[in-house]
PDB file of N, CA and C in Angstrom:
ATOM      1  N   MET A   1     201.600 235.971   5.900  1.00  0.00           N
ATOM      2  CA  MET A   1     202.807 237.085   5.730  1.00  0.00           C
ATOM      3  C   MET A   1     202.189 237.725   3.870  1.00  0.00           C
ATOM      4  N   ILE A   2     202.785 238.995   3.241  1.00  0.00           N
ATOM      5  CA  ILE A   2     202.063 238.725   1.993  1.00  0.00           C
ATOM      6  C   ILE A   2     203.500 239.503   2.015  1.00  0.00           C
ATOM      7  N   PRO A   3     204.072 238.456   0.601  1.00  0.00           N
ATOM      8  CA  PRO A   3     205.145 238.644   0.397  1.00  0.00           C
ATOM      9  C   PRO A   3     205.367 239.818   0.070  1.00  0.00           C
ATOM     10  N   ALA A   4     207.173 239.879  -0.364  1.00  0.00           N
ATOM     11  CA  ALA A   4     207.383 241.886  -0.225  1.00  0.00           C
ATOM     12  C   ALA A   4     207.344 241.929  -2.179  1.00  0.00           C
ATOM     13  N   ALA A   5     206.733 243.185  -2.735  1.00  0.00           N
ATOM     14  CA  ALA A   5     205.827 243.420  -4.098  1.00  0.00           C
ATOM     15  C   ALA A   5     207.972 243.493  -4.536  1.00  0.00           C
ATOM     16  N   SER A   6     208.206 243.295  -6.168  1.00  0.00           N
ATOM     17  CA  SER A   6     209.124 243.793  -6.758  1.00  0.00           C
ATOM     18  C   SER A   6     209.522 244.757  -6.491  1.00  0.00           C
ATOM     19  N   ALA A   7     210.996 245.335  -6.924  1.00  0.00           N
ATOM     20  CA  ALA A   7     211.157 246.477  -6.338  1.00  0.00           C
ATOM     21  C   ALA A   7     211.932 246.873  -8.316  1.00  0.00           C
ATOM     22  N   ALA A   8     210.968 246.708  -9.291  1.00  0.00           N
ATOM     23  CA  ALA A   8     211.579 247.989  -9.592  1.00  0.00           C
ATOM     24  C   ALA A   8     212.665 249.266 -10.647  1.00  0.00           C
ATOM     25  N   PRO A   9     211.752 250.184 -10.865  1.00  0.00           N
ATOM     26  CA  PRO A   9     212.711 251.087 -10.640  1.00  0.00           C
ATOM     27  C   PRO A   9     213.854 251.074  -9.232  1.00  0.00           C
ATOM     28  N   SER A  10     214.686 251.957  -9.303  1.00  0.00           N
ATOM     29  CA  SER A  10     215.159 252.468  -7.953  1.00  0.00           C
ATOM     30  C   SER A  10     214.753 253.928  -7.548  1.00  0.00           C
ATOM     31  N   ALA A  11     213.808 254.232  -6.454  1.00  0.00           N
ATOM     32  CA  ALA A  11     213.676 255.421  -5.499  1.00  0.00           C
ATOM     33  C   ALA A  11     213.449 256.538  -6.079  1.00  0.00           C
ATOM     34  N   ALA A  12     214.609 256.500  -6.693  1.00  0.00           N
ATOM     35  CA  ALA A  12     215.515 258.532  -7.612  1.00  0.00           C
ATOM     36  C   ALA A  12     214.822 258.226  -8.734  1.00  0.00           C
ATOM     37  N   ALA A  13     214.439 256.828  -8.787  1.00  0.00           N
ATOM     38  CA  ALA A  13     214.000 257.104 -11.266  1.00  0.00           C
ATOM     39  C   ALA A  13     212.447 257.177 -10.950  1.00  0.00           C
ATOM     40  N   ALA A  14     211.684 256.991  -9.335  1.00  0.00           N
ATOM     41  CA  ALA A  14     210.273 256.438 -10.518  1.00  0.00           C
ATOM     42  C   ALA A  14     210.298 257.711 -10.031  1.00  0.00           C
ATOM     43  N   ASP A  15     208.942 258.123  -9.996  1.00  0.00           N
ATOM     44  CA  ASP A  15     207.966 259.055  -9.532  1.00  0.00           C
ATOM     45  C   ASP A  15     206.259 258.137  -8.677  1.00  0.00           C
ATOM     46  N   TYR A  16     207.186 257.726  -8.298  1.00  0.00           N
ATOM     47  CA  TYR A  16     205.761 257.201  -7.357  1.00  0.00           C
ATOM     48  C   TYR A  16     204.708 257.781  -7.224  1.00  0.00           C
ATOM     49  N   CYS A  17     204.700 259.056  -7.131  1.00  0.00           N
ATOM     50  CA  CYS A  17     203.478 259.936  -6.998  1.00  0.00           C
ATOM     51  C   CYS A  17     201.983 260.091  -7.934  1.00  0.00           C
ATOM     52  N   SER A  18     203.478 259.697  -8.897  1.00  0.00           N
ATOM     53  CA  SER A  18     202.950 260.384 -10.350  1.00  0.00           C
ATOM     54  C   SER A  18     201.509 259.181 -10.641  1.00  0.00           C
ATOM     55  N   GLU A  19     200.177 260.079 -11.176  1.00  0.00           N
ATOM     56  CA  GLU A  19     199.287 259.974 -12.627  1.00  0.00           C
ATOM     57  C   GLU A  19     199.407 258.747 -13.207  1.00  0.00           C
ATOM     58  N   SER A  20     200.972 258.615 -13.916  1.00  0.00           N
ATOM     59  CA  SER A  20     201.387 258.478 -15.013  1.00  0.00           C
ATOM     60  C   SER A  20     202.207 256.526 -14.455  1.00  0.00           C
ATOM     61  N   TYR A  21     201.964 256.555 -13.136  1.00  0.00           N
ATOM     62  CA  TYR A  21     203.174 256.277 -12.879  1.00  0.00           C
ATOM     63  C   TYR A  21     202.038 254.202 -12.793  1.00  0.00           C
ATOM     64  N   SER A  22     203.173 252.820 -13.594  1.00  0.00           N
ATOM     65  CA  SER A  22     203.014 252.234 -14.518  1.00  0.00           C
ATOM     66  C   SER A  22     203.358 250.929 -13.876  1.00  0.00           C
ATOM     67  N   GLN A  23     203.167 250.860 -12.375  1.00  0.00           N
ATOM     68  CA  GLN A  23     204.346 249.789 -11.904  1.00  0.00           C
ATOM     69  C   GLN A  23     202.313 248.527 -12.138  1.00  0.00           C
ATOM     70  N   ASN A  24     202.975 247.983 -11.882  1.00  0.00           N
ATOM     71  CA  ASN A  24     201.805 246.785 -11.685  1.00  0.00           C
ATOM     72  C   ASN A  24     200.490 247.631  -9.227  1.00  0.00           C
ATOM     73  N   HIS A  25     199.845 246.094  -9.802  1.00  0.00           N
ATOM     74  CA  HIS A  25     199.107 247.011  -8.362  1.00  0.00           C
ATOM     75  C   HIS A  25     199.293 245.230  -7.427  1.00  0.00           C
ATOM     76  N   PRO A  26     199.847 244.638  -7.172  1.00  0.00           N
ATOM     77  CA  PRO A  26     199.756 243.950  -6.575  1.00  0.00           C
ATOM     78  C   PRO A  26     199.478 243.840  -4.540  1.00  0.00           C
ATOM     79  N   THR A  27     198.414 242.983  -4.953  1.00  0.00           N
ATOM     80  CA  THR A  27     198.067 243.080  -3.632  1.00  0.00           C
ATOM     81  C   THR A  27     199.244 242.575  -2.418  1.00  0.00           C
ATOM     82  N   ILE A  28     199.010 243.587  -1.138  1.00  0.00           N
ATOM     83  CA  ILE A  28     200.451 243.889  -0.950  1.00  0.00           C
ATOM     84  C   ILE A  28     199.405 244.476   0.921  1.00  0.00           C
ATOM     85  N   ALA A  29     200.177 244.358   1.510  1.00  0.00           N
ATOM     86  CA  ALA A  29     199.675 244.629   3.693  1.00  0.00           C
ATOM     87  C   ALA A  29     201.082 244.771   4.186  1.00  0.00           C
ATOM     88  N   GLN A  30     200.460 244.229   5.418  1.00  0.00           N
ATOM     89  CA  GLN A  30     201.434 245.180   6.066  1.00  0.00           C
ATOM     90  C   GLN A  30     202.905 243.603   6.864  1.00  0.00           C
ATOM     91  N   GLY A  31     203.573 244.064   6.760  1.00  0.00           N
ATOM     92  CA  GLY A  31     205.052 243.437   5.921  1.00  0.00           C
ATOM     93  C   GLY A  31     206.028 243.149   5.244  1.00  0.00           C
ATOM     94  N   SER A  32     204.460 244.204   3.899  1.00  0.00           N
ATOM     95  CA  SER A  32     205.003 243.840   2.160  1.00  0.00           C
ATOM     96  C   SER A  32     206.442 245.179   2.590  1.00  0.00           C
ATOM     97  N   ALA A  33     207.356 245.338   1.155  1.00  0.00           N
ATOM     98  CA  ALA A  33     207.966 246.513   1.365  1.00  0.00           C
ATOM     99  C   ALA A  33     208.259 246.108  -0.647  1.00  0.00           C
ATOM    100  N   GLY A  34     208.097 247.457  -1.220  1.00  0.00           N
ATOM    101  CA  GLY A  34     208.984 247.662  -1.933  1.00  0.00           C
ATOM    102  C   GLY A  34     208.003 248.687  -2.974  1.00  0.00           C
ATOM    103  N   ASN A  35     208.261 249.096  -4.049  1.00  0.00           N
ATOM    104  CA  ASN A  35     207.689 250.552  -4.837  1.00  0.00           C
ATOM    105  C   ASN A  35     206.073 250.259  -4.682  1.00  0.00           C
ATOM    106  N   ALA A  36     205.469 248.942  -5.351  1.00  0.00           N
ATOM    107  CA  ALA A  36     203.940 248.988  -4.484  1.00  0.00           C
ATOM    108  C   ALA A  36     203.285 249.538  -4.009  1.00  0.00           C
ATOM    109  N   VAL A  37     204.251 249.216  -2.454  1.00  0.00           N
ATOM    110  CA  VAL A  37     203.538 250.248  -1.499  1.00  0.00           C
ATOM    111  C   VAL A  37     204.258 251.503  -1.152  1.00  0.00           C
ATOM    112  N   ARG A  38     205.368 251.718  -2.370  1.00  0.00           N
ATOM    113  CA  ARG A  38     205.478 253.104  -2.814  1.00  0.00           C
ATOM    114  C   ARG A  38     204.790 254.255  -2.741  1.00  0.00           C
ATOM    115  N   HIS A  39     204.394 253.376  -3.763  1.00  0.00           N
ATOM    116  CA  HIS A  39     202.977 253.966  -4.160  1.00  0.00           C
ATOM    117  C   HIS A  39     201.324 254.367  -4.484  1.00  0.00           C
ATOM    118  N   ALA A  40     201.165 253.477  -2.678  1.00  0.00           N
ATOM    119  CA  ALA A  40     199.714 252.888  -2.565  1.00  0.00           C
ATOM    120  C   ALA A  40     200.813 254.258  -0.940  1.00  0.00           C
ATOM    121  N   GLN A  41     201.872 254.457  -0.515  1.00  0.00           N
ATOM    122  CA  GLN A  41     202.190 254.786   0.629  1.00  0.00           C
ATOM    123  C   GLN A  41     202.400 256.763   0.042  1.00  0.00           C
ATOM    124  N   CYS A  42     202.366 257.076  -1.675  1.00  0.00           N
ATOM    125  CA  CYS A  42     201.493 258.336  -2.249  1.00  0.00           C
ATOM    126  C   CYS A  42     201.089 259.049  -2.642  1.00  0.00           C
ATOM    127  N   LYS A  43     200.052 257.854  -3.201  1.00  0.00           N
ATOM    128  CA  LYS A  43     198.350 258.278  -3.174  1.00  0.00           C
ATOM    129  C   LYS A  43     197.558 258.556  -1.407  1.00  0.00           C
ATOM    130  N   LEU A  44     197.970 257.388  -0.383  1.00  0.00           N
ATOM    131  CA  LEU A  44     198.067 257.482   0.739  1.00  0.00           C
ATOM    132  C   LEU A  44     197.994 259.137   1.673  1.00  0.00           C
ATOM    133  N   GLY A  45     199.231 259.668   0.869  1.00  0.00           N
ATOM    134  CA  GLY A  45     198.961 261.063   1.175  1.00  0.00           C
ATOM    135  C   GLY A  45     198.046 262.166   1.170  1.00  0.00           C
ATOM    136  N   LYS A  46     197.399 261.857  -0.519  1.00  0.00           N
ATOM    137  CA  LYS A  46     196.862 262.136  -1.247  1.00  0.00           C
ATOM    138  C   LYS A  46     194.757 262.059  -0.865  1.00  0.00           C
ATOM    139  N   TRP A  47     195.617 261.021  -0.067  1.00  0.00           N
ATOM    140  CA  TRP A  47     193.895 260.414   0.441  1.00  0.00           C
ATOM    141  C   TRP A  47     193.857 262.182   2.673  1.00  0.00           C
ATOM    142  N   GLY A  48     194.733 262.526   2.095  1.00  0.00           N
ATOM    143  CA  GLY A  48     194.493 262.832   3.336  1.00  0.00           C
ATOM    144  C   GLY A  48     194.925 262.350   4.519  1.00  0.00           C
ATOM    145  N   HIS A  49     196.046 261.745   4.601  1.00  0.00           N
ATOM    146  CA  HIS A  49     196.514 259.682   5.509  1.00  0.00           C
ATOM    147  C   HIS A  49     197.952 259.991   5.304  1.00  0.00           C
ATOM    148  N   PRO A  50     199.017 261.349   5.291  1.00  0.00           N
ATOM    149  CA  PRO A  50     200.012 260.648   4.575  1.00  0.00           C
ATOM    150  C   PRO A  50     200.961 259.967   5.312  1.00  0.00           C
ATOM    151  N   VAL A  51     201.519 259.338   4.810  1.00  0.00           N
ATOM    152  CA  VAL A  51     202.486 257.923   5.546  1.00  0.00           C
ATOM    153  C   VAL A  51     203.997 258.398   5.830  1.00  0.00           C
ATOM    154  N   THR A  52     205.617 258.166   5.275  1.00  0.00           N
ATOM    155  CA  THR A  52     206.401 258.244   5.083  1.00  0.00           C
ATOM    156  C   THR A  52     206.699 257.791   4.139  1.00  0.00           C
ATOM    157  N   VAL A  53     206.702 258.245   2.690  1.00  0.00           N
ATOM    158  CA  VAL A  53     207.079 256.840   1.268  1.00  0.00           C
ATOM    159  C   VAL A  53     208.354 256.373   1.641  1.00  0.00           C
ATOM    160  N   ASP A  54     208.913 254.995   2.142  1.00  0.00           N
ATOM    161  CA  ASP A  54     209.650 254.675   2.499  1.00  0.00           C
ATOM    162  C   ASP A  54     209.290 252.864   2.091  1.00  0.00           C
ATOM    163  N   GLY A  55     208.775 252.752   0.929  1.00  0.00           N
ATOM    164  CA  GLY A  55     208.132 251.917   0.552  1.00  0.00           C
ATOM    165  C   GLY A  55     208.525 249.518   1.453  1.00  0.00           C
ATOM    166  N   ILE A  56     207.821 250.736   2.943  1.00  0.00           N
ATOM    167  CA  ILE A  56     208.241 249.577   3.839  1.00  0.00           C
ATOM    168  C   ILE A  56     206.301 249.504   4.524  1.00  0.00           C
ATOM    169  N   PHE A  57     205.533 248.603   4.443  1.00  0.00           N
ATOM    170  CA  PHE A  57     204.404 248.336   4.813  1.00  0.00           C
ATOM    171  C   PHE A  57     203.805 248.263   6.757  1.00  0.00           C
ATOM    172  N   GLY A  58     203.814 249.327   7.029  1.00  0.00           N
ATOM    173  CA  GLY A  58     203.796 249.204   8.344  1.00  0.00           C
ATOM    174  C   GLY A  58     203.102 249.737   8.937  1.00  0.00           C
ATOM    175  N   ARG A  59     203.131 250.164  10.450  1.00  0.00           N
ATOM    176  CA  ARG A  59     201.646 250.128  11.178  1.00  0.00           C
ATOM    177  C   ARG A  59     201.231 251.742  10.787  1.00  0.00           C
ATOM    178  N   ALA A  60     201.605 252.528  10.642  1.00  0.00           N
ATOM    179  CA  ALA A  60     200.878 253.712  10.515  1.00  0.00           C
ATOM    180  C   ALA A  60     199.658 253.917   9.053  1.00  0.00           C
ATOM    181  N   THR A  61     201.300 252.545   7.775  1.00  0.00           N
ATOM    182  CA  THR A  61     201.195 253.234   6.265  1.00  0.00           C
ATOM    183  C   THR A  61     199.095 252.189   6.647  1.00  0.00           C
ATOM    184  N   TYR A  62     199.532 250.360   7.613  1.00  0.00           N
ATOM    185  CA  TYR A  62     198.693 249.369   7.703  1.00  0.00           C
ATOM    186  C   TYR A  62     197.222 250.856   7.997  1.00  0.00           C
ATOM    187  N   ASN A  63     197.178 251.999   9.201  1.00  0.00           N
ATOM    188  CA  ASN A  63     196.250 252.137   9.535  1.00  0.00           C
ATOM    189  C   ASN A  63     195.865 253.156   8.690  1.00  0.00           C
ATOM    190  N   ALA A  64     196.438 254.203   7.620  1.00  0.00           N
ATOM    191  CA  ALA A  64     196.569 254.819   6.885  1.00  0.00           C
ATOM    192  C   ALA A  64     195.603 254.015   5.928  1.00  0.00           C
ATOM    193  N   VAL A  65     195.187 253.457   5.253  1.00  0.00           N
ATOM    194  CA  VAL A  65     195.192 251.556   4.301  1.00  0.00           C
ATOM    195  C   VAL A  65     193.493 251.811   5.351  1.00  0.00           C
ATOM    196  N   ARG A  66     194.296 251.140   6.090  1.00  0.00           N
ATOM    197  CA  ARG A  66     191.703 251.375   7.058  1.00  0.00           C
ATOM    198  C   ARG A  66     190.764 253.184   7.256  1.00  0.00           C
ATOM    199  N   ALA A  67     192.392 253.949   6.831  1.00  0.00           N
ATOM    200  CA  ALA A  67     190.614 254.812   7.465  1.00  0.00           C
ATOM    201  C   ALA A  67     190.588 255.094   6.361  1.00  0.00           C
ATOM    202  N   VAL A  68     191.798 255.105   4.885  1.00  0.00           N
ATOM    203  CA  VAL A  68     190.706 255.095   3.647  1.00  0.00           C
ATOM    204  C   VAL A  68     189.925 254.397   3.399  1.00  0.00           C
ATOM    205  N   GLN A  69     189.862 252.606   3.442  1.00  0.00           N
ATOM    206  CA  GLN A  69     188.750 252.024   3.391  1.00  0.00           C
ATOM    207  C   GLN A  69     187.642 252.386   3.522  1.00  0.00           C
ATOM    208  N   ARG A  70     187.656 252.680   4.660  1.00  0.00           N
ATOM    209  CA  ARG A  70     186.257 253.565   5.727  1.00  0.00           C
ATOM    210  C   ARG A  70     185.738 254.130   5.165  1.00  0.00           C
ATOM    211  N   GLU A  71     186.266 255.363   5.387  1.00  0.00           N
ATOM    212  CA  GLU A  71     186.189 256.143   3.540  1.00  0.00           C
ATOM    213  C   GLU A  71     185.270 256.106   2.477  1.00  0.00           C
ATOM    214  N   CYS A  72     185.877 254.514   2.048  1.00  0.00           N
ATOM    215  CA  CYS A  72     185.277 254.175   0.724  1.00  0.00           C
ATOM    216  C   CYS A  72     184.101 253.313   0.321  1.00  0.00           C
ATOM    217  N   ASN A  73     183.406 253.089   2.173  1.00  0.00           N
ATOM    218  CA  ASN A  73     182.899 252.031   2.331  1.00  0.00           C
ATOM    219  C   ASN A  73     183.439 250.657   1.706  1.00  0.00           C
ATOM    220  N   ILE A  74     184.554 250.526   1.944  1.00  0.00           N
ATOM    221  CA  ILE A  74     184.682 248.566   1.774  1.00  0.00           C
ATOM    222  C   ILE A  74     185.333 248.331   2.809  1.00  0.00           C
ATOM    223  N   ALA A  75     185.503 247.437   3.329  1.00  0.00           N
ATOM    224  CA  ALA A  75     186.537 246.223   3.940  1.00  0.00           C
ATOM    225  C   ALA A  75     187.337 247.402   4.655  1.00  0.00           C
ATOM    226  N   ASP A  76     187.263 246.663   5.781  1.00  0.00           N
ATOM    227  CA  ASP A  76     188.843 247.814   6.588  1.00  0.00           C
ATOM    228  C   ASP A  76     189.684 247.426   7.247  1.00  0.00           C
ATOM    229  N   ASP A  77     190.113 246.197   6.427  1.00  0.00           N
ATOM    230  CA  ASP A  77     191.126 244.674   6.708  1.00  0.00           C
ATOM    231  C   ASP A  77     192.515 244.759   7.539  1.00  0.00           C
ATOM    232  N   GLY A  78     192.752 246.088   6.265  1.00  0.00           N
ATOM    233  CA  GLY A  78     194.186 247.314   5.735  1.00  0.00           C
ATOM    234  C   GLY A  78     194.960 246.107   5.188  1.00  0.00           C
ATOM    235  N   ILE A  79     194.702 245.803   4.297  1.00  0.00           N
ATOM    236  CA  ILE A  79     195.341 244.692   2.776  1.00  0.00           C
ATOM    237  C   ILE A  79     194.461 245.996   1.804  1.00  0.00           C
ATOM    238  N   VAL A  80     195.743 246.300   0.953  1.00  0.00           N
ATOM    239  CA  VAL A  80     195.102 246.865  -0.033  1.00  0.00           C
ATOM    240  C   VAL A  80     195.649 245.667  -1.886  1.00  0.00           C
ATOM    241  N   GLY A  81     193.700 245.502  -2.102  1.00  0.00           N
ATOM    242  CA  GLY A  81     193.367 244.531  -3.406  1.00  0.00           C
ATOM    243  C   GLY A  81     192.877 245.478  -4.342  1.00  0.00           C
ATOM    244  N   PRO A  82     192.522 244.644  -5.234  1.00  0.00           N
ATOM    245  CA  PRO A  82     192.147 245.517  -6.305  1.00  0.00           C
ATOM    246  C   PRO A  82     190.937 246.638  -6.218  1.00  0.00           C
ATOM    247  N   LYS A  83     189.783 246.258  -4.543  1.00  0.00           N
ATOM    248  CA  LYS A  83     188.934 246.963  -4.521  1.00  0.00           C
ATOM    249  C   LYS A  83     189.804 248.474  -3.251  1.00  0.00           C
ATOM    250  N   THR A  84     191.164 248.408  -3.152  1.00  0.00           N
ATOM    251  CA  THR A  84     191.744 249.240  -2.988  1.00  0.00           C
ATOM    252  C   THR A  84     191.992 249.834  -3.715  1.00  0.00           C
ATOM    253  N   TRP A  85     193.033 249.413  -4.413  1.00  0.00           N
ATOM    254  CA  TRP A  85     194.299 249.750  -5.231  1.00  0.00           C
ATOM    255  C   TRP A  85     193.376 251.044  -6.487  1.00  0.00           C
ATOM    256  N   ARG A  86     191.501 249.598  -6.599  1.00  0.00           N
ATOM    257  CA  ARG A  86     190.758 251.466  -7.556  1.00  0.00           C
ATOM    258  C   ARG A  86     189.806 252.390  -6.599  1.00  0.00           C
ATOM    259  N   CYS A  87     190.088 252.563  -5.128  1.00  0.00           N
ATOM    260  CA  CYS A  87     189.843 253.622  -3.956  1.00  0.00           C
ATOM    261  C   CYS A  87     190.931 254.352  -4.488  1.00  0.00           C
ATOM    262  N   LEU A  88     192.068 253.829  -4.105  1.00  0.00           N
ATOM    263  CA  LEU A  88     192.956 254.827  -4.733  1.00  0.00           C
ATOM    264  C   LEU A  88     193.412 255.740  -5.580  1.00  0.00           C
ATOM    265  N   ASP A  89     193.359 255.434  -6.534  1.00  0.00           N
ATOM    266  CA  ASP A  89     193.468 255.616  -7.793  1.00  0.00           C
ATOM    267  C   ASP A  89     192.111 256.514  -8.265  1.00  0.00           C
TER     268      ASP A  89
END
């Protein structure tokens, strides 16, 4: 299991869907939680795979990540690492 991403600003203070969101992009996977997961969830919605932006990397987020990975022609392992972040951004 990949550890939870650090929680920086509160959910109310940050716009996780903003193109100017500047937090880091750690590797996240099922079981991860925090701001990086919220950012990925927002990006997944922009790719046409909307999931609840709750900061919890569960089954729905995992499935959406795999779908986007297939669309980007990268390994569809459900893990959001550097290649998947580049695809999402």
